[in-house]
Amino acid sequence: MPIAEARVPTNRPSRYLVQLCKHFSNKGRHLGHRARSHNGGDAVPPAGMHMPPDLKPDQIHVEWSETQGVLSLPWGRCTLDAEADALMLRAEADDEEGLRRLQDLLEAHIGRFGRRDELRVDWQQPDRPAAERAEAAGATAPPAASVSARRGRLTWAGITVLGVLAVAVHLGLAGAVLSGPRWTGWVVGAVLAVIVVKITALTVFGRRVHRRSREQAG
C-alpha cells in the first residue's frame, strides 16, 4: 500500500485541521447541488477548490476533533494530526494513482485555506517501520535455527566421510597383514584395535559437535 506523509508548519494547525475536515464534510452533504450565484448562473468555485466530477456525496466520510481527523475518499484515506507547530498528514491508498489523486486534492485545499500563511504541502515517502524492515530481512535471510541445523548436517557428513576413509585405510592394512605370511596374530589384533579406537573417537567428536550446534540454535 503506497503511503505519503507531509508536515505543514503553522502556528494554527488545529484551525486548519477543523476547517479542512468541515469543508469535506459539507461537500459530502451538498455535493451534486451546485451553488447558485446572485445573478442566477452557476457559481464558480474558487481556484484550486474544484471537486473531482466522479466523486459522489456518499463516498466522502470525515471524522474529526480539535487535534485529529480522518478523511476517507474512494481513492484512499488521510489522517490529520495537529501538533504544536505543524499539521501532520498521512495519506495512503491502494495504488499509486489513488495516492496521487488524494495528494493533489489535499494539497490544493490546504494551499487555498492557508494562502495568507503561505502554507505548502511537501509530500515525502515515510521510512518503513522497524517491524517491517525486520520482517523483510527475515524473508530473505534463512532462520538461525535452520542455519545451525544445516551446519550440523554438514558436520555429520564430514565426520562420516572421515570415518569411512579411516576404516577403508585400516581395512586395507589389515588385508595386507593377513596376506603376508610373516605377520603374527598380535599385529592383526593391533590393527583392528586402532580401527575401533578411531571409530570411537570420531563418534564422540561428532556427538560433541552436534550438541554444540543444538545449544547455539536454542
N, C-alpha and C. Protein backbone atom coordinates (compact mmCIF):
# COMPACT_ATOMS: atom_id res chain seq x y z
N MET A 1 0.84 -1.18 0.00
CA MET A 1 0.00 0.00 0.00
C MET A 1 0.88 1.25 0.00
N PRO A 2 0.82 2.08 -1.05
CA PRO A 2 1.63 3.30 -1.10
C PRO A 2 1.19 4.31 -0.05
N ILE A 3 2.17 4.97 0.55
CA ILE A 3 1.92 5.91 1.64
C ILE A 3 2.75 7.16 1.40
N ALA A 4 2.21 8.31 1.75
CA ALA A 4 2.94 9.58 1.69
C ALA A 4 2.61 10.37 2.95
N GLU A 5 3.59 11.10 3.44
CA GLU A 5 3.42 11.90 4.64
C GLU A 5 3.88 13.33 4.37
N ALA A 6 3.33 14.28 5.12
CA ALA A 6 3.72 15.68 4.97
C ALA A 6 3.60 16.37 6.31
N ARG A 7 4.53 17.27 6.54
CA ARG A 7 4.50 18.12 7.73
C ARG A 7 4.34 19.56 7.26
N VAL A 8 3.21 20.17 7.62
CA VAL A 8 2.91 21.53 7.18
C VAL A 8 3.12 22.47 8.36
N PRO A 9 4.22 23.20 8.41
CA PRO A 9 4.47 24.09 9.55
C PRO A 9 3.44 25.22 9.61
N THR A 10 2.86 25.45 10.79
CA THR A 10 1.91 26.51 11.01
C THR A 10 1.71 26.69 12.51
N ASN A 11 1.39 27.91 12.91
CA ASN A 11 1.10 28.15 14.33
C ASN A 11 -0.38 27.99 14.64
N ARG A 12 -1.16 27.56 13.62
CA ARG A 12 -2.59 27.30 13.82
C ARG A 12 -2.99 25.96 13.21
N PRO A 13 -2.35 24.89 13.61
CA PRO A 13 -2.64 23.59 12.99
C PRO A 13 -4.06 23.11 13.27
N SER A 14 -4.55 23.34 14.48
CA SER A 14 -5.90 22.87 14.81
C SER A 14 -6.96 23.57 13.97
N ARG A 15 -6.78 24.85 13.74
CA ARG A 15 -7.74 25.61 12.94
C ARG A 15 -7.82 25.06 11.53
N TYR A 16 -6.67 24.79 10.92
CA TYR A 16 -6.70 24.29 9.55
C TYR A 16 -7.23 22.86 9.49
N LEU A 17 -6.94 22.08 10.50
CA LEU A 17 -7.46 20.70 10.53
C LEU A 17 -8.99 20.73 10.54
N VAL A 18 -9.56 21.51 11.45
CA VAL A 18 -11.02 21.58 11.56
C VAL A 18 -11.63 22.18 10.29
N GLN A 19 -11.01 23.21 9.75
CA GLN A 19 -11.53 23.85 8.54
C GLN A 19 -11.54 22.88 7.36
N LEU A 20 -10.47 22.12 7.22
CA LEU A 20 -10.39 21.17 6.12
C LEU A 20 -11.43 20.06 6.26
N CYS A 21 -11.54 19.52 7.47
CA CYS A 21 -12.49 18.43 7.69
C CYS A 21 -13.94 18.90 7.53
N LYS A 22 -14.25 20.10 8.03
CA LYS A 22 -15.60 20.63 7.86
C LYS A 22 -15.93 20.86 6.39
N HIS A 23 -14.95 21.33 5.65
CA HIS A 23 -15.17 21.57 4.22
C HIS A 23 -15.54 20.29 3.50
N PHE A 24 -14.79 19.22 3.73
CA PHE A 24 -15.09 17.96 3.06
C PHE A 24 -16.39 17.37 3.58
N SER A 25 -16.70 17.57 4.85
CA SER A 25 -17.96 17.06 5.38
C SER A 25 -19.14 17.77 4.73
N ASN A 26 -19.03 19.07 4.55
CA ASN A 26 -20.10 19.82 3.88
C ASN A 26 -20.22 19.42 2.42
N LYS A 27 -19.07 19.18 1.77
CA LYS A 27 -19.11 18.73 0.39
C LYS A 27 -19.81 17.38 0.28
N GLY A 28 -19.60 16.54 1.28
CA GLY A 28 -20.26 15.23 1.26
C GLY A 28 -21.76 15.34 1.37
N ARG A 29 -22.23 16.37 2.07
CA ARG A 29 -23.69 16.55 2.22
C ARG A 29 -24.31 17.26 1.03
N HIS A 30 -23.55 18.18 0.42
CA HIS A 30 -24.16 19.03 -0.59
C HIS A 30 -23.60 18.81 -1.99
N LEU A 31 -22.69 17.88 -2.15
CA LEU A 31 -22.13 17.64 -3.47
C LEU A 31 -23.24 17.19 -4.43
N GLY A 32 -23.23 17.75 -5.60
CA GLY A 32 -24.29 17.42 -6.55
C GLY A 32 -25.33 18.52 -6.66
N HIS A 33 -25.40 19.38 -5.59
CA HIS A 33 -26.29 20.54 -5.64
C HIS A 33 -25.41 21.76 -5.83
N ARG A 34 -25.24 22.20 -7.04
CA ARG A 34 -24.32 23.29 -7.34
C ARG A 34 -24.88 24.60 -6.83
N ALA A 35 -24.01 25.37 -6.23
CA ALA A 35 -24.44 26.66 -5.67
C ALA A 35 -24.81 27.63 -6.79
N ARG A 36 -25.80 28.47 -6.50
CA ARG A 36 -26.26 29.45 -7.49
C ARG A 36 -25.69 30.82 -7.14
N SER A 37 -25.29 31.56 -8.15
CA SER A 37 -24.78 32.90 -7.93
C SER A 37 -25.94 33.88 -7.81
N HIS A 38 -25.66 35.08 -7.39
CA HIS A 38 -26.70 36.09 -7.25
C HIS A 38 -27.27 36.50 -8.60
N ASN A 39 -26.53 36.26 -9.66
CA ASN A 39 -27.01 36.63 -10.99
C ASN A 39 -27.83 35.53 -11.65
N GLY A 40 -28.02 34.43 -10.94
CA GLY A 40 -28.85 33.36 -11.47
C GLY A 40 -28.08 32.25 -12.13
N GLY A 41 -26.80 32.46 -12.42
CA GLY A 41 -25.99 31.42 -13.04
C GLY A 41 -25.34 30.55 -11.99
N ASP A 42 -24.66 29.51 -12.45
CA ASP A 42 -23.94 28.64 -11.53
C ASP A 42 -22.74 29.38 -10.96
N ALA A 43 -22.56 29.23 -9.66
CA ALA A 43 -21.41 29.86 -9.02
C ALA A 43 -20.14 29.12 -9.40
N VAL A 44 -19.09 29.84 -9.61
CA VAL A 44 -17.82 29.24 -9.98
C VAL A 44 -17.00 29.02 -8.71
N PRO A 45 -16.59 27.78 -8.40
CA PRO A 45 -15.80 27.53 -7.20
C PRO A 45 -14.49 28.28 -7.26
N PRO A 46 -13.93 28.64 -6.10
CA PRO A 46 -12.63 29.31 -6.08
C PRO A 46 -11.57 28.45 -6.75
N ALA A 47 -10.54 29.12 -7.25
CA ALA A 47 -9.46 28.41 -7.94
C ALA A 47 -8.84 27.39 -7.02
N GLY A 48 -8.64 26.19 -7.54
CA GLY A 48 -7.98 25.15 -6.75
C GLY A 48 -8.92 24.40 -5.82
N MET A 49 -10.25 24.74 -5.84
CA MET A 49 -11.18 24.12 -4.90
C MET A 49 -12.17 23.19 -5.60
N HIS A 50 -11.97 22.89 -6.84
CA HIS A 50 -12.88 22.02 -7.58
C HIS A 50 -12.83 20.61 -7.01
N MET A 51 -13.99 19.99 -6.87
CA MET A 51 -14.07 18.59 -6.50
C MET A 51 -14.08 17.75 -7.77
N PRO A 52 -13.45 16.58 -7.75
CA PRO A 52 -13.44 15.71 -8.94
C PRO A 52 -14.86 15.38 -9.37
N PRO A 53 -15.15 15.38 -10.65
CA PRO A 53 -16.52 15.14 -11.13
C PRO A 53 -17.03 13.74 -10.83
N ASP A 54 -16.12 12.78 -10.62
CA ASP A 54 -16.56 11.41 -10.35
C ASP A 54 -16.75 11.14 -8.86
N LEU A 55 -16.62 12.16 -8.03
CA LEU A 55 -16.77 11.99 -6.58
C LEU A 55 -18.23 12.17 -6.18
N LYS A 56 -18.79 11.17 -5.50
CA LYS A 56 -20.19 11.20 -5.10
C LYS A 56 -20.31 11.53 -3.61
N PRO A 57 -21.45 12.10 -3.18
CA PRO A 57 -21.60 12.51 -1.78
C PRO A 57 -21.39 11.38 -0.78
N ASP A 58 -21.93 10.20 -1.11
CA ASP A 58 -21.82 9.10 -0.15
C ASP A 58 -20.43 8.46 -0.12
N GLN A 59 -19.51 8.98 -0.93
CA GLN A 59 -18.14 8.46 -0.94
C GLN A 59 -17.19 9.28 -0.08
N ILE A 60 -17.72 10.32 0.57
CA ILE A 60 -16.90 11.17 1.43
C ILE A 60 -17.28 10.91 2.88
N HIS A 61 -16.32 10.48 3.67
CA HIS A 61 -16.55 10.21 5.09
C HIS A 61 -15.47 10.93 5.90
N VAL A 62 -15.91 11.75 6.85
CA VAL A 62 -14.98 12.56 7.62
C VAL A 62 -15.33 12.46 9.11
N GLU A 63 -14.30 12.31 9.92
CA GLU A 63 -14.41 12.37 11.37
C GLU A 63 -13.28 13.24 11.89
N TRP A 64 -13.58 14.06 12.89
CA TRP A 64 -12.51 14.93 13.39
C TRP A 64 -12.82 15.44 14.79
N SER A 65 -11.76 15.89 15.43
CA SER A 65 -11.81 16.62 16.69
C SER A 65 -10.92 17.84 16.53
N GLU A 66 -10.57 18.49 17.62
CA GLU A 66 -9.71 19.66 17.54
C GLU A 66 -8.27 19.30 17.18
N THR A 67 -7.89 18.05 17.43
CA THR A 67 -6.48 17.68 17.24
C THR A 67 -6.27 16.54 16.25
N GLN A 68 -7.33 15.82 15.88
CA GLN A 68 -7.18 14.69 14.98
C GLN A 68 -8.34 14.64 14.00
N GLY A 69 -8.05 14.11 12.81
CA GLY A 69 -9.09 13.96 11.82
C GLY A 69 -8.79 12.81 10.88
N VAL A 70 -9.84 12.24 10.28
CA VAL A 70 -9.71 11.15 9.32
C VAL A 70 -10.62 11.46 8.14
N LEU A 71 -10.04 11.50 6.96
CA LEU A 71 -10.78 11.75 5.73
C LEU A 71 -10.67 10.52 4.83
N SER A 72 -11.82 9.95 4.49
CA SER A 72 -11.86 8.75 3.64
C SER A 72 -12.56 9.10 2.33
N LEU A 73 -11.88 8.82 1.23
CA LEU A 73 -12.39 9.04 -0.12
C LEU A 73 -12.28 7.75 -0.91
N PRO A 74 -12.88 7.68 -2.10
CA PRO A 74 -12.81 6.43 -2.86
C PRO A 74 -11.39 5.99 -3.18
N TRP A 75 -10.46 6.92 -3.29
CA TRP A 75 -9.11 6.56 -3.72
C TRP A 75 -8.16 6.26 -2.57
N GLY A 76 -8.56 6.67 -1.34
CA GLY A 76 -7.64 6.45 -0.23
C GLY A 76 -8.12 7.13 1.04
N ARG A 77 -7.20 7.21 1.97
CA ARG A 77 -7.55 7.70 3.31
C ARG A 77 -6.43 8.60 3.81
N CYS A 78 -6.79 9.67 4.50
CA CYS A 78 -5.79 10.59 5.05
C CYS A 78 -6.10 10.84 6.52
N THR A 79 -5.10 10.70 7.35
CA THR A 79 -5.22 11.04 8.77
C THR A 79 -4.50 12.36 9.00
N LEU A 80 -5.08 13.20 9.86
CA LEU A 80 -4.54 14.52 10.16
C LEU A 80 -4.31 14.65 11.65
N ASP A 81 -3.18 15.20 12.03
CA ASP A 81 -2.85 15.42 13.43
C ASP A 81 -2.34 16.84 13.61
N ALA A 82 -2.93 17.55 14.59
CA ALA A 82 -2.49 18.90 14.88
C ALA A 82 -1.46 18.86 16.01
N GLU A 83 -0.21 19.10 15.66
CA GLU A 83 0.84 19.17 16.65
C GLU A 83 1.04 20.61 17.10
N ALA A 84 2.03 20.86 17.92
CA ALA A 84 2.20 22.19 18.49
C ALA A 84 2.49 23.24 17.42
N ASP A 85 3.27 22.87 16.42
CA ASP A 85 3.69 23.85 15.42
C ASP A 85 3.55 23.36 13.99
N ALA A 86 2.71 22.33 13.77
CA ALA A 86 2.57 21.81 12.41
C ALA A 86 1.32 20.95 12.30
N LEU A 87 0.81 20.89 11.07
CA LEU A 87 -0.28 19.97 10.74
C LEU A 87 0.34 18.78 10.02
N MET A 88 0.16 17.60 10.59
CA MET A 88 0.74 16.38 10.05
C MET A 88 -0.29 15.65 9.22
N LEU A 89 0.12 15.22 8.02
CA LEU A 89 -0.76 14.49 7.11
C LEU A 89 -0.14 13.14 6.79
N ARG A 90 -0.98 12.11 6.74
CA ARG A 90 -0.55 10.78 6.32
C ARG A 90 -1.60 10.23 5.35
N ALA A 91 -1.23 10.14 4.09
CA ALA A 91 -2.15 9.66 3.04
C ALA A 91 -1.75 8.26 2.62
N GLU A 92 -2.73 7.40 2.45
CA GLU A 92 -2.47 6.03 1.99
C GLU A 92 -3.58 5.60 1.04
N ALA A 93 -3.22 4.79 0.06
CA ALA A 93 -4.18 4.35 -0.95
C ALA A 93 -3.82 2.94 -1.40
N ASP A 94 -4.72 2.36 -2.22
CA ASP A 94 -4.48 1.00 -2.71
C ASP A 94 -3.47 0.97 -3.85
N ASP A 95 -3.31 2.08 -4.55
CA ASP A 95 -2.35 2.12 -5.67
C ASP A 95 -1.79 3.53 -5.80
N GLU A 96 -0.79 3.66 -6.66
CA GLU A 96 -0.11 4.94 -6.82
C GLU A 96 -1.02 6.01 -7.41
N GLU A 97 -1.89 5.61 -8.32
CA GLU A 97 -2.82 6.57 -8.93
C GLU A 97 -3.76 7.17 -7.89
N GLY A 98 -4.32 6.30 -7.05
CA GLY A 98 -5.20 6.79 -5.99
C GLY A 98 -4.48 7.69 -5.02
N LEU A 99 -3.24 7.35 -4.68
CA LEU A 99 -2.47 8.19 -3.77
C LEU A 99 -2.20 9.55 -4.39
N ARG A 100 -1.87 9.58 -5.66
CA ARG A 100 -1.60 10.85 -6.33
C ARG A 100 -2.83 11.75 -6.33
N ARG A 101 -3.99 11.19 -6.61
CA ARG A 101 -5.22 11.98 -6.62
C ARG A 101 -5.53 12.53 -5.23
N LEU A 102 -5.33 11.72 -4.22
CA LEU A 102 -5.58 12.17 -2.85
C LEU A 102 -4.60 13.27 -2.46
N GLN A 103 -3.34 13.12 -2.82
CA GLN A 103 -2.34 14.13 -2.52
C GLN A 103 -2.67 15.45 -3.21
N ASP A 104 -3.02 15.40 -4.49
CA ASP A 104 -3.32 16.62 -5.24
C ASP A 104 -4.51 17.35 -4.65
N LEU A 105 -5.54 16.60 -4.26
CA LEU A 105 -6.75 17.22 -3.71
C LEU A 105 -6.45 17.91 -2.38
N LEU A 106 -5.73 17.24 -1.50
CA LEU A 106 -5.40 17.83 -0.20
C LEU A 106 -4.48 19.03 -0.36
N GLU A 107 -3.51 18.89 -1.25
CA GLU A 107 -2.56 19.98 -1.46
C GLU A 107 -3.28 21.24 -1.97
N ALA A 108 -4.24 21.06 -2.88
CA ALA A 108 -4.97 22.21 -3.42
C ALA A 108 -5.80 22.90 -2.34
N HIS A 109 -6.47 22.11 -1.50
CA HIS A 109 -7.33 22.71 -0.48
C HIS A 109 -6.51 23.39 0.62
N ILE A 110 -5.45 22.75 1.05
CA ILE A 110 -4.63 23.36 2.10
C ILE A 110 -3.97 24.63 1.58
N GLY A 111 -3.53 24.58 0.33
CA GLY A 111 -2.95 25.78 -0.26
C GLY A 111 -3.94 26.93 -0.32
N ARG A 112 -5.21 26.60 -0.61
CA ARG A 112 -6.25 27.62 -0.68
C ARG A 112 -6.59 28.17 0.71
N PHE A 113 -6.81 27.28 1.66
CA PHE A 113 -7.16 27.72 3.01
C PHE A 113 -6.01 28.49 3.67
N GLY A 114 -4.80 28.08 3.40
CA GLY A 114 -3.65 28.70 4.05
C GLY A 114 -2.90 29.68 3.17
N ARG A 115 -3.62 30.30 2.25
CA ARG A 115 -2.97 31.22 1.32
C ARG A 115 -2.30 32.38 2.05
N ARG A 116 -2.96 32.93 3.05
CA ARG A 116 -2.38 34.06 3.78
C ARG A 116 -1.12 33.65 4.55
N ASP A 117 -1.13 32.45 5.07
CA ASP A 117 0.04 31.96 5.81
C ASP A 117 1.05 31.28 4.90
N GLU A 118 0.74 31.25 3.62
CA GLU A 118 1.63 30.65 2.62
C GLU A 118 1.96 29.19 2.98
N LEU A 119 0.91 28.45 3.28
CA LEU A 119 1.11 27.03 3.61
C LEU A 119 1.50 26.24 2.36
N ARG A 120 2.43 25.32 2.53
CA ARG A 120 2.88 24.46 1.44
C ARG A 120 2.91 23.01 1.94
N VAL A 121 2.48 22.11 1.07
CA VAL A 121 2.48 20.68 1.41
C VAL A 121 3.62 20.01 0.65
N ASP A 122 4.57 19.51 1.38
CA ASP A 122 5.72 18.83 0.77
C ASP A 122 5.63 17.34 1.13
N TRP A 123 5.11 16.55 0.21
CA TRP A 123 4.90 15.13 0.46
C TRP A 123 6.23 14.38 0.45
N GLN A 124 6.35 13.45 1.37
CA GLN A 124 7.55 12.63 1.48
C GLN A 124 7.15 11.17 1.63
N GLN A 125 8.04 10.28 1.17
CA GLN A 125 7.83 8.85 1.39
C GLN A 125 8.33 8.51 2.80
N PRO A 126 7.49 7.90 3.64
CA PRO A 126 7.91 7.60 5.01
C PRO A 126 8.88 6.43 5.05
N ASP A 127 9.71 6.41 6.08
CA ASP A 127 10.56 5.25 6.32
C ASP A 127 9.70 4.10 6.79
N ARG A 128 10.08 2.89 6.38
CA ARG A 128 9.34 1.72 6.83
C ARG A 128 9.58 1.48 8.31
N PRO A 129 8.56 1.06 9.04
CA PRO A 129 8.76 0.76 10.46
C PRO A 129 9.78 -0.34 10.65
N ALA A 130 10.37 -0.35 11.85
CA ALA A 130 11.41 -1.34 12.15
C ALA A 130 10.86 -2.77 12.02
N ALA A 131 9.58 -2.96 12.41
CA ALA A 131 9.00 -4.30 12.34
C ALA A 131 8.92 -4.78 10.89
N GLU A 132 8.57 -3.85 9.94
CA GLU A 132 8.51 -4.25 8.54
C GLU A 132 9.89 -4.54 7.99
N ARG A 133 10.88 -3.73 8.41
CA ARG A 133 12.24 -3.98 7.94
C ARG A 133 12.73 -5.33 8.44
N ALA A 134 12.42 -5.65 9.71
CA ALA A 134 12.84 -6.93 10.26
C ALA A 134 12.14 -8.09 9.56
N GLU A 135 10.85 -7.88 9.23
CA GLU A 135 10.11 -8.94 8.54
C GLU A 135 10.67 -9.17 7.15
N ALA A 136 11.01 -8.04 6.46
CA ALA A 136 11.59 -8.18 5.13
C ALA A 136 12.94 -8.87 5.17
N ALA A 137 13.74 -8.52 6.19
CA ALA A 137 15.04 -9.16 6.33
C ALA A 137 14.88 -10.64 6.64
N GLY A 138 13.88 -10.96 7.45
CA GLY A 138 13.65 -12.37 7.79
C GLY A 138 13.18 -13.18 6.61
N ALA A 139 12.49 -12.50 5.66
CA ALA A 139 12.01 -13.20 4.48
C ALA A 139 13.13 -13.56 3.53
N THR A 140 14.22 -12.78 3.55
CA THR A 140 15.32 -13.04 2.64
C THR A 140 16.44 -13.85 3.29
N ALA A 141 16.58 -13.75 4.60
CA ALA A 141 17.64 -14.46 5.30
C ALA A 141 17.07 -15.71 5.95
N PRO A 142 17.74 -16.85 5.87
CA PRO A 142 17.23 -18.07 6.49
C PRO A 142 17.27 -17.95 8.00
N PRO A 143 16.33 -18.56 8.72
CA PRO A 143 16.33 -18.52 10.17
C PRO A 143 17.61 -19.11 10.75
N ALA A 144 17.95 -18.61 11.94
CA ALA A 144 19.19 -19.08 12.59
C ALA A 144 19.12 -20.58 12.89
N ALA A 145 17.91 -21.04 13.27
CA ALA A 145 17.78 -22.45 13.60
C ALA A 145 18.07 -23.34 12.39
N SER A 146 17.55 -22.92 11.21
CA SER A 146 17.78 -23.73 10.02
C SER A 146 19.25 -23.70 9.61
N VAL A 147 19.91 -22.53 9.82
CA VAL A 147 21.34 -22.45 9.51
C VAL A 147 22.13 -23.39 10.40
N SER A 148 21.80 -23.40 11.70
CA SER A 148 22.51 -24.28 12.63
C SER A 148 22.27 -25.74 12.29
N ALA A 149 21.01 -26.05 11.93
CA ALA A 149 20.71 -27.43 11.57
C ALA A 149 21.48 -27.85 10.33
N ARG A 150 21.60 -26.93 9.35
CA ARG A 150 22.33 -27.24 8.13
C ARG A 150 23.81 -27.47 8.43
N ARG A 151 24.34 -26.61 9.30
CA ARG A 151 25.75 -26.79 9.68
C ARG A 151 25.96 -28.12 10.38
N GLY A 152 24.98 -28.46 11.24
CA GLY A 152 25.12 -29.74 11.94
C GLY A 152 25.11 -30.92 10.99
N ARG A 153 24.24 -30.85 9.97
CA ARG A 153 24.19 -31.95 9.00
C ARG A 153 25.48 -32.03 8.20
N LEU A 154 26.04 -30.86 7.83
CA LEU A 154 27.29 -30.87 7.08
C LEU A 154 28.43 -31.43 7.94
N THR A 155 28.40 -31.07 9.23
CA THR A 155 29.45 -31.59 10.13
C THR A 155 29.37 -33.10 10.23
N TRP A 156 28.15 -33.62 10.41
CA TRP A 156 27.99 -35.08 10.49
C TRP A 156 28.41 -35.75 9.19
N ALA A 157 28.10 -35.12 8.07
CA ALA A 157 28.50 -35.70 6.79
C ALA A 157 30.02 -35.78 6.67
N GLY A 158 30.69 -34.70 7.12
CA GLY A 158 32.15 -34.69 7.08
C GLY A 158 32.74 -35.76 7.97
N ILE A 159 32.19 -35.91 9.17
CA ILE A 159 32.69 -36.93 10.10
C ILE A 159 32.47 -38.33 9.53
N THR A 160 31.32 -38.52 8.90
CA THR A 160 31.04 -39.84 8.32
C THR A 160 32.03 -40.18 7.22
N VAL A 161 32.35 -39.17 6.37
CA VAL A 161 33.31 -39.40 5.30
C VAL A 161 34.68 -39.75 5.86
N LEU A 162 35.10 -39.01 6.90
CA LEU A 162 36.40 -39.30 7.53
C LEU A 162 36.42 -40.71 8.12
N GLY A 163 35.29 -41.08 8.75
CA GLY A 163 35.23 -42.42 9.34
C GLY A 163 35.34 -43.51 8.29
N VAL A 164 34.62 -43.30 7.17
CA VAL A 164 34.67 -44.30 6.10
C VAL A 164 36.07 -44.41 5.53
N LEU A 165 36.72 -43.26 5.34
CA LEU A 165 38.09 -43.29 4.81
C LEU A 165 39.05 -43.98 5.78
N ALA A 166 38.88 -43.67 7.08
CA ALA A 166 39.77 -44.30 8.07
C ALA A 166 39.59 -45.81 8.10
N VAL A 167 38.32 -46.24 8.06
CA VAL A 167 38.05 -47.69 8.08
C VAL A 167 38.62 -48.34 6.82
N ALA A 168 38.45 -47.67 5.65
CA ALA A 168 38.94 -48.25 4.40
C ALA A 168 40.46 -48.38 4.43
N VAL A 169 41.14 -47.35 4.95
CA VAL A 169 42.61 -47.42 5.00
C VAL A 169 43.07 -48.54 5.91
N HIS A 170 42.43 -48.61 7.09
CA HIS A 170 42.87 -49.64 8.02
C HIS A 170 42.48 -51.04 7.58
N LEU A 171 41.35 -51.14 6.90
CA LEU A 171 40.99 -52.45 6.37
C LEU A 171 41.98 -52.87 5.29
N GLY A 172 42.46 -51.91 4.51
CA GLY A 172 43.48 -52.23 3.53
C GLY A 172 44.76 -52.71 4.19
N LEU A 173 45.14 -52.05 5.31
CA LEU A 173 46.32 -52.51 6.05
C LEU A 173 46.09 -53.90 6.62
N ALA A 174 44.88 -54.09 7.15
CA ALA A 174 44.58 -55.41 7.71
C ALA A 174 44.65 -56.48 6.65
N GLY A 175 44.12 -56.14 5.43
CA GLY A 175 44.18 -57.13 4.35
C GLY A 175 45.62 -57.43 3.97
N ALA A 176 46.46 -56.39 3.96
CA ALA A 176 47.88 -56.63 3.64
C ALA A 176 48.54 -57.49 4.70
N VAL A 177 48.19 -57.26 5.96
CA VAL A 177 48.77 -58.05 7.06
C VAL A 177 48.36 -59.50 6.94
N LEU A 178 47.05 -59.72 6.68
CA LEU A 178 46.57 -61.09 6.62
C LEU A 178 47.17 -61.85 5.43
N SER A 179 47.46 -61.12 4.36
CA SER A 179 48.02 -61.80 3.18
C SER A 179 49.51 -62.09 3.33
N GLY A 180 50.16 -61.40 4.27
CA GLY A 180 51.58 -61.64 4.45
C GLY A 180 51.84 -62.76 5.44
N PRO A 181 52.60 -63.75 5.10
CA PRO A 181 52.82 -64.90 6.00
C PRO A 181 53.72 -64.56 7.17
N ARG A 182 54.44 -63.43 7.09
CA ARG A 182 55.40 -63.16 8.15
C ARG A 182 54.76 -62.44 9.34
N TRP A 183 53.50 -61.90 9.14
CA TRP A 183 52.88 -61.17 10.23
C TRP A 183 52.21 -62.14 11.21
N THR A 184 52.31 -61.82 12.47
CA THR A 184 51.74 -62.68 13.53
C THR A 184 50.35 -62.21 13.88
N GLY A 185 49.66 -62.97 14.67
CA GLY A 185 48.29 -62.66 15.06
C GLY A 185 48.17 -61.40 15.89
N TRP A 186 49.21 -61.11 16.72
CA TRP A 186 49.06 -59.90 17.56
C TRP A 186 49.13 -58.62 16.76
N VAL A 187 49.82 -58.65 15.62
CA VAL A 187 49.85 -57.47 14.75
C VAL A 187 48.47 -57.22 14.14
N VAL A 188 47.82 -58.28 13.72
CA VAL A 188 46.47 -58.16 13.19
C VAL A 188 45.53 -57.58 14.23
N GLY A 189 45.62 -58.05 15.46
CA GLY A 189 44.78 -57.52 16.53
C GLY A 189 45.05 -56.06 16.79
N ALA A 190 46.33 -55.65 16.70
CA ALA A 190 46.67 -54.24 16.93
C ALA A 190 46.03 -53.36 15.87
N VAL A 191 46.08 -53.80 14.62
CA VAL A 191 45.47 -53.02 13.55
C VAL A 191 43.98 -52.87 13.76
N LEU A 192 43.31 -53.96 14.11
CA LEU A 192 41.87 -53.90 14.36
C LEU A 192 41.55 -53.01 15.56
N ALA A 193 42.41 -53.04 16.59
CA ALA A 193 42.20 -52.19 17.76
C ALA A 193 42.30 -50.71 17.38
N VAL A 194 43.25 -50.39 16.51
CA VAL A 194 43.39 -49.00 16.06
C VAL A 194 42.12 -48.55 15.33
N ILE A 195 41.57 -49.43 14.50
CA ILE A 195 40.34 -49.11 13.78
C ILE A 195 39.21 -48.79 14.75
N VAL A 196 39.05 -49.65 15.77
CA VAL A 196 37.98 -49.46 16.75
C VAL A 196 38.17 -48.15 17.51
N VAL A 197 39.40 -47.84 17.91
CA VAL A 197 39.68 -46.61 18.66
C VAL A 197 39.33 -45.37 17.82
N LYS A 198 39.74 -45.38 16.55
CA LYS A 198 39.47 -44.21 15.71
C LYS A 198 37.98 -44.03 15.45
N ILE A 199 37.27 -45.12 15.24
CA ILE A 199 35.83 -45.00 15.03
C ILE A 199 35.16 -44.44 16.28
N THR A 200 35.60 -44.92 17.46
CA THR A 200 35.04 -44.41 18.71
C THR A 200 35.33 -42.92 18.88
N ALA A 201 36.56 -42.52 18.57
CA ALA A 201 36.93 -41.11 18.71
C ALA A 201 36.10 -40.23 17.78
N LEU A 202 35.91 -40.67 16.55
CA LEU A 202 35.09 -39.91 15.62
C LEU A 202 33.65 -39.79 16.08
N THR A 203 33.12 -40.86 16.66
CA THR A 203 31.75 -40.84 17.17
C THR A 203 31.60 -39.86 18.31
N VAL A 204 32.54 -39.87 19.25
CA VAL A 204 32.50 -38.94 20.39
C VAL A 204 32.60 -37.50 19.91
N PHE A 205 33.50 -37.25 18.97
CA PHE A 205 33.68 -35.91 18.43
C PHE A 205 32.41 -35.42 17.73
N GLY A 206 31.79 -36.31 16.98
CA GLY A 206 30.56 -35.95 16.28
C GLY A 206 29.44 -35.61 17.24
N ARG A 207 29.31 -36.35 18.34
CA ARG A 207 28.28 -36.05 19.32
C ARG A 207 28.51 -34.69 19.97
N ARG A 208 29.75 -34.35 20.25
CA ARG A 208 30.05 -33.04 20.85
C ARG A 208 29.69 -31.90 19.91
N VAL A 209 30.04 -32.08 18.64
CA VAL A 209 29.72 -31.04 17.67
C VAL A 209 28.22 -30.89 17.53
N HIS A 210 27.49 -32.00 17.50
CA HIS A 210 26.05 -31.95 17.38
C HIS A 210 25.42 -31.27 18.59
N ARG A 211 25.90 -31.57 19.79
CA ARG A 211 25.38 -30.94 21.00
C ARG A 211 25.62 -29.45 20.99
N ARG A 212 26.82 -29.04 20.55
CA ARG A 212 27.13 -27.62 20.50
C ARG A 212 26.24 -26.89 19.49
N SER A 213 25.95 -27.53 18.37
CA SER A 213 25.08 -26.90 17.37
C SER A 213 23.68 -26.71 17.90
N ARG A 214 23.18 -27.68 18.65
CA ARG A 214 21.84 -27.57 19.23
C ARG A 214 21.78 -26.48 20.28
N GLU A 215 22.84 -26.32 21.07
CA GLU A 215 22.86 -25.26 22.08
C GLU A 215 22.88 -23.89 21.44
N GLN A 216 23.61 -23.72 20.35
CA GLN A 216 23.64 -22.45 19.66
C GLN A 216 22.31 -22.13 19.00
N ALA A 217 21.65 -23.17 18.48
CA ALA A 217 20.34 -22.96 17.87
C ALA A 217 19.30 -22.58 18.90
N GLY A 218 19.42 -23.13 20.13
CA GLY A 218 18.47 -22.80 21.19
C GLY A 218 18.66 -21.41 21.72
